[in-house]
Protein backbone atom coordinates (compact mmCIF):
# COMPACT_ATOMS: atom_id res chain seq x y z
CA MET A 1 -0.25 -0.15 0.08
CA ALA A 2 1.30 3.77 -0.60
CA SER A 3 1.79 5.84 2.49
CA ASP A 4 -1.05 7.28 3.48
CA ASP A 5 0.32 10.91 4.31
CA VAL A 6 1.32 10.59 0.15
CA VAL A 7 -2.29 9.30 -0.50
CA GLN A 8 -3.89 11.90 1.56
CA SER A 9 -2.54 14.74 0.83
CA ALA A 10 -2.24 14.01 -3.14
CA VAL A 11 -6.48 13.49 -2.44
CA ALA A 12 -6.31 17.20 -0.90
CA ALA A 13 -4.68 18.24 -3.55
CA VAL A 14 -7.06 17.05 -6.20
CA MET A 15 -10.41 18.36 -4.42
CA ASP A 16 -8.75 21.73 -4.60
CA CYS A 17 -7.83 20.69 -8.24
CA TYR A 18 -4.81 18.33 -9.23
CA CYS A 19 -1.80 16.84 -8.09
CA VAL A 20 1.39 15.93 -9.58
CA LEU A 21 3.13 12.36 -8.29
CA ALA A 22 7.00 13.28 -9.04
CA GLY A 23 9.00 10.08 -10.09
CA HIS A 24 5.74 7.69 -9.08
CA LEU A 25 6.80 5.78 -12.72
CA GLU A 26 9.82 3.81 -13.55
CA SER A 27 11.18 6.08 -16.31
CA THR A 28 12.40 3.00 -18.27
CA VAL A 29 8.61 1.53 -18.58
CA VAL A 30 7.33 4.86 -19.66
CA GLU A 31 10.59 5.40 -22.19
CA THR A 32 10.26 1.85 -23.28
CA CYS A 33 6.31 2.76 -23.91
CA ARG A 34 7.07 5.70 -26.22
CA ALA A 35 9.63 3.75 -27.87
CA ALA A 36 7.17 1.44 -29.45
CA PHE A 37 4.44 3.87 -29.61
CA TRP A 38 6.89 7.24 -31.49
CA PRO A 39 6.66 4.86 -34.82
CA GLN A 40 3.04 4.79 -34.89
CA LEU A 41 2.43 7.92 -34.03
CA LEU A 42 4.57 9.57 -36.00
CA THR A 43 2.86 7.23 -39.09
CA TYR A 44 -0.36 8.33 -38.01
CA LEU A 45 0.60 12.41 -38.30
CA ALA A 46 2.90 12.33 -41.52
CA ALA A 47 -0.53 10.99 -42.66
CA ASP A 48 -1.96 14.50 -42.17
CA PRO A 49 -5.03 13.67 -40.61
CA ALA A 50 -7.75 16.35 -39.43
CA PRO A 51 -7.11 17.93 -35.92
CA ASN A 52 -9.82 16.36 -33.74
CA ARG A 53 -9.29 18.77 -31.16
CA GLY A 54 -8.64 21.85 -32.12
CA PRO A 55 -6.24 23.17 -34.63
CA GLY A 56 -2.69 21.53 -34.52
CA ARG A 57 -4.09 19.32 -31.86
CA HIS A 58 -4.81 15.60 -32.51
CA TYR A 59 -6.52 12.33 -29.75
CA VAL A 60 -5.40 9.09 -30.76
CA ALA A 61 -6.50 6.35 -28.91
CA MET A 62 -3.24 4.78 -27.20
CA PRO A 63 -2.43 0.46 -28.02
CA PHE A 64 -3.26 -2.65 -25.49
CA GLU A 65 -0.18 -3.80 -26.71
CA ALA A 66 3.09 -4.39 -24.98
CA PRO A 67 5.00 -2.19 -23.68
CA CYS A 68 2.38 0.70 -24.59
CA PHE A 69 -0.20 -1.13 -22.07
CA ALA A 70 2.12 -2.02 -19.15
CA PRO A 71 -0.04 -2.84 -15.42
CA GLU A 72 2.36 0.57 -13.97
CA PHE A 73 0.33 2.80 -16.06
CA PHE A 74 -3.06 1.51 -15.08
CA PHE A 75 -3.04 -0.14 -11.59
CA THR A 76 -0.07 1.76 -9.67
CA PRO A 77 -1.07 1.52 -5.83
CA VAL A 78 -0.93 4.90 -4.92
CA VAL A 79 -2.78 6.43 -7.87
CA LEU A 80 -5.80 3.45 -6.90
CA ASP A 81 -5.57 4.68 -3.64
CA VAL A 82 -6.20 8.30 -4.42
CA VAL A 83 -8.84 7.79 -6.92
CA ARG A 84 -10.74 5.16 -5.10
CA ARG A 85 -11.00 7.62 -2.08
CA LEU A 86 -11.86 10.46 -4.42
CA MET A 87 -14.70 8.24 -5.52
CA ASP A 88 -15.22 4.77 -3.75
CA ASP A 89 -13.83 1.37 -4.09
CA ARG A 90 -15.50 0.78 -7.16
CA ILE A 91 -13.84 2.30 -9.74
CA VAL A 92 -12.68 1.40 -13.57
CA ALA A 93 -11.18 2.55 -15.94
CA ASP A 94 -12.59 3.32 -19.20
CA GLN A 95 -10.23 5.59 -21.66
CA TRP A 96 -6.80 5.18 -22.42
CA GLY A 97 -5.78 7.47 -24.98
CA CYS A 98 -2.96 10.25 -25.53
CA ASP A 99 -3.37 14.28 -26.72
CA VAL A 100 -1.03 14.99 -29.00
CA PRO A 101 -0.51 19.04 -29.61
CA VAL A 102 2.16 19.92 -32.44
CA ARG A 103 3.83 22.86 -33.73
CA GLY A 104 1.67 25.20 -35.00
CA SER A 105 -0.93 24.68 -32.43
CA GLY A 106 -2.48 27.45 -30.23
CA TYR A 107 -4.17 28.05 -27.20
CA GLN A 108 -7.51 26.02 -26.18
CA ASN A 109 -10.38 27.89 -25.39
CA ALA A 110 -10.77 26.95 -20.95
CA HIS A 111 -13.27 24.24 -20.73
CA ALA A 112 -14.31 21.10 -18.62
CA ASP A 113 -14.32 17.74 -19.78
CA TYR A 114 -16.83 15.09 -19.38
CA GLN A 115 -19.61 17.64 -18.17
CA ARG A 116 -22.80 16.41 -20.12
CA PRO A 117 -25.58 16.94 -16.73
CA LEU A 118 -26.72 14.21 -15.19
CA PHE A 119 -29.71 15.85 -14.80
CA PRO A 120 -30.33 17.89 -17.41
CA GLU A 121 -33.45 19.60 -15.61
CA ARG A 122 -30.46 20.67 -13.37
CA PRO A 123 -27.11 21.50 -15.19
CA ASP A 124 -25.14 23.48 -12.59
CA LEU A 125 -26.04 21.17 -10.00
CA LEU A 126 -22.78 20.73 -8.05
CA LEU A 127 -22.09 16.64 -7.60
CA PRO A 128 -19.50 14.41 -6.00
CA SER A 129 -16.54 13.60 -8.86
CA PHE A 130 -17.59 10.61 -10.72
CA ALA A 131 -14.47 10.87 -12.87
CA ILE A 132 -10.93 11.47 -12.26
CA VAL A 133 -8.18 11.94 -15.50
CA VAL A 134 -4.68 10.31 -14.97
CA SER A 135 -2.15 11.28 -16.95
CA PHE A 136 1.89 11.22 -17.88
CA GLY A 137 4.16 12.24 -20.56
CA LEU A 138 5.32 10.19 -23.27
CA VAL A 139 8.42 12.97 -23.20
CA PRO A 140 9.13 15.92 -20.94
CA ILE A 141 6.69 18.42 -20.97
CA SER A 142 7.90 21.69 -20.38
CA ARG A 143 6.46 25.21 -20.49
CA GLU A 144 7.27 25.18 -24.75
CA SER A 145 6.41 22.32 -25.52
CA GLY A 146 2.79 22.88 -24.15
CA PRO A 147 1.50 22.04 -20.96
CA ILE A 148 -2.42 21.61 -20.02
CA GLU A 149 -3.25 25.09 -18.10
CA ILE A 150 -5.46 23.68 -14.85
CA ALA A 151 -7.46 26.59 -12.87
CA PRO A 152 -7.50 25.19 -9.36
CA GLY A 153 -10.50 25.18 -7.78
CA THR A 154 -13.00 25.94 -10.65
CA GLN A 155 -14.75 21.91 -10.59
CA ARG A 156 -16.61 23.83 -7.27
CA MET A 157 -18.54 26.55 -9.19
CA THR A 158 -21.39 26.62 -12.03
CA ARG A 159 -19.51 26.65 -15.10
CA GLY A 160 -20.76 30.13 -15.83
CA GLU A 161 -19.16 31.06 -12.56
CA ALA A 162 -15.66 29.99 -13.31
CA THR A 163 -15.49 31.20 -17.12
CA ARG A 164 -15.81 34.74 -15.62
CA ALA A 165 -13.30 34.23 -12.92
CA VAL A 166 -11.10 32.82 -15.65
CA GLU A 167 -11.81 35.47 -18.26
CA ALA A 168 -11.57 38.27 -15.49
CA GLY A 169 -8.15 36.95 -14.16
CA ALA A 170 -9.44 36.59 -10.27
CA ILE A 171 -8.22 32.51 -11.42
CA PRO A 172 -5.31 32.20 -13.27
CA LEU A 173 -4.60 29.47 -15.50
CA GLU A 174 -1.67 27.39 -13.61
CA PRO A 175 0.73 25.10 -16.34
CA VAL A 176 1.12 21.80 -15.52
CA THR A 177 4.79 20.48 -16.56
CA LEU A 178 6.01 17.14 -16.31
CA GLY A 179 9.55 15.38 -15.90
CA ILE A 180 9.32 11.48 -17.32
CA GLY A 181 7.66 9.50 -14.54
CA ASP A 182 5.67 12.49 -12.90
CA ILE A 183 2.03 11.19 -12.88
CA LEU A 184 -0.80 14.66 -12.69
CA ILE A 185 -3.91 13.40 -10.90
CA ARG A 186 -6.55 16.04 -11.97
CA HIS A 187 -10.61 16.71 -11.55
CA PRO A 188 -11.68 17.07 -15.17
CA TRP A 189 -14.36 19.49 -14.05
CA ALA A 190 -11.72 22.24 -13.51
CA LEU A 191 -11.30 24.65 -16.25
CA HIS A 192 -8.20 23.86 -18.39
CA ARG A 193 -6.78 24.15 -21.78
CA GLY A 194 -4.05 23.35 -23.77
CA THR A 195 -1.40 25.64 -24.73
CA PRO A 196 1.14 26.28 -27.66
CA ASN A 197 3.69 23.47 -28.53
CA ALA A 198 6.37 25.61 -29.75
CA THR A 199 8.80 22.70 -30.25
CA ASP A 200 9.04 20.11 -33.47
CA ILE A 201 8.26 17.27 -30.92
CA PRO A 202 5.03 15.86 -30.30
CA ARG A 203 3.98 16.72 -26.98
CA ALA A 204 2.53 13.18 -26.29
CA LEU A 205 0.49 13.32 -23.41
CA ALA A 206 -1.04 10.20 -22.45
CA SER A 207 -3.93 9.63 -19.79
CA ILE A 208 -6.25 7.72 -18.36
CA ARG A 209 -9.85 7.85 -17.54
CA TYR A 210 -11.13 6.81 -14.28
CA VAL A 211 -15.48 6.54 -13.26
CA ARG A 212 -17.27 5.33 -10.70
CA ARG A 213 -18.26 1.71 -11.67
CA ARG A 214 -22.17 2.16 -12.44
CA TYR A 215 -21.41 5.27 -14.79
CA SER A 216 -20.55 5.43 -18.40
CA ASP A 217 -21.30 7.53 -21.57
CA ASP A 218 -20.68 7.53 -25.01
CA SER A 219 -17.78 9.76 -25.06
CA ARG A 220 -14.92 7.13 -25.09
CA GLU A 221 -12.64 6.77 -28.15
CA VAL A 222 -10.65 3.47 -26.69
CA ALA A 223 -8.68 0.33 -28.72
CA SER A 224 -10.00 -3.22 -27.63
CA ILE A 225 -7.54 -4.86 -25.43
CA PRO A 226 -6.60 -8.25 -27.08
CA HIS A 227 -7.85 -11.31 -25.98
CA ARG A 228 -4.31 -12.84 -25.19
CA LEU A 229 -3.57 -9.84 -22.97
CA TRP A 230 -6.92 -9.92 -21.12
CA ARG A 231 -6.14 -13.35 -20.26
CA SER A 232 -3.34 -12.06 -18.88
CA LEU A 233 -4.58 -10.38 -16.23
CA THR A 234 -5.47 -11.27 -12.42
CA VAL A 235 -9.21 -11.38 -11.85
CA GLU A 236 -8.71 -7.76 -9.68
CA GLN A 237 -7.27 -6.48 -12.69
CA GLN A 238 -9.66 -7.46 -15.14
CA ARG A 239 -12.52 -5.84 -12.90
CA LEU A 240 -10.74 -2.64 -13.25
CA LEU A 241 -10.61 -2.23 -17.08
CA ARG A 242 -13.93 -1.49 -18.92
CA PHE A 243 -12.59 -1.45 -22.55
CA PRO A 244 -14.12 -4.03 -25.38
CA ILE A 245 -12.25 -7.13 -25.61
CA GLY A 246 -10.99 -8.10 -29.18
CA ALA A 247 -9.89 -11.49 -30.47
């Protein structure tokens, strides 16, 4: 089990908006993933696909093929402890993808993720967390390469109040830089935005969404888990994953 002090501090930080767990992934695991994924990513970008997350921004579903998939990414005890305390013990991971701005990308508008109201008659009803996003860079993410910027505390505000506060500068957007092995855990309802990538290296930020087991939506863009990989997982690991199973 993870140190309770570490978990409590991380939970408190995410309740305020986000936290960064420095060096909680082995750098060799991340670098091995990048080495396997990078040719696929460059082939995809070379085909000049239409950006699907705004100018110069791409979302790519991550493959469930070792070493792009590693158990450490999904089942790190400290991360699971934090996510469970923020929601409950019955969680599943249901999204595994990579956000990739390239040179020429600009600023996104500040926005929230997965904010579709559960109760349309009460769109501004503030609810307990039912989704948490866990991310790590496949490359070091500096101010020049386009880090995510997050406005702390805006997940506890109505969307109109949060937008006005950010636009007025009353709540600043904080850039989150990451080294290899750092893990970002954030509340997806906090206003955030992508920033310009001023380098020639695609800024690949891999992300996993964890949700309460009883929640589902149709926003996911994911790859299938190969059946041979599924069989290699423990029953507990299988219970933590909600993805289509392939051949």
